[in-house]
Amino acid sequence: SKSDQRFASIRSTGNLTFSTAF
């Protein structure tokens, strides 16, 4: 669904930011 896709996008962006923080 659209919300699932958006959530996956937000999650991968968050993971990127989280990884760069370390």
C-alpha atoms as a PDB file:
ATOM      1  CA  SER A   1       0.000   0.000   0.000  1.00  0.00           C
ATOM      2  CA  LYS A   2       1.023   3.657  -0.294  1.00  0.00           C
ATOM      3  CA  SER A   3       1.539   4.131   3.448  1.00  0.00           C
ATOM      4  CA  ASP A   4       3.723   0.998   3.610  1.00  0.00           C
ATOM      5  CA  GLN A   5       5.894   2.349   0.806  1.00  0.00           C
ATOM      6  CA  ARG A   6       6.192   5.733   2.487  1.00  0.00           C
ATOM      7  CA  PHE A   7       7.053   4.113   5.807  1.00  0.00           C
ATOM      8  CA  ALA A   8       9.759   2.017   4.141  1.00  0.00           C
ATOM      9  CA  SER A   9      11.193   5.184   2.573  1.00  0.00           C
ATOM     10  CA  ILE A  10      11.191   7.013   5.913  1.00  0.00           C
ATOM     11  CA  ARG A  11      12.764   4.000   7.599  1.00  0.00           C
ATOM     12  CA  SER A  12      15.621   3.710   5.096  1.00  0.00           C
ATOM     13  CA  THR A  13      16.271   7.451   5.377  1.00  0.00           C
ATOM     14  CA  GLY A  14      16.313   7.145   9.166  1.00  0.00           C
ATOM     15  CA  ASN A  15      18.728   4.215   8.966  1.00  0.00           C
ATOM     16  CA  LEU A  16      21.043   6.260   6.763  1.00  0.00           C
ATOM     17  CA  THR A  17      21.029   9.147   9.234  1.00  0.00           C
ATOM     18  CA  PHE A  18      21.467   6.765  12.147  1.00  0.00           C
ATOM     19  CA  SER A  19      24.429   5.080  10.470  1.00  0.00           C
ATOM     20  CA  THR A  20      26.123   8.381   9.650  1.00  0.00           C
ATOM     21  CA  ALA A  21      25.734   9.512  13.255  1.00  0.00           C
ATOM     22  CA  PHE A  22      28.174   6.764  14.158  1.00  0.00           C
END
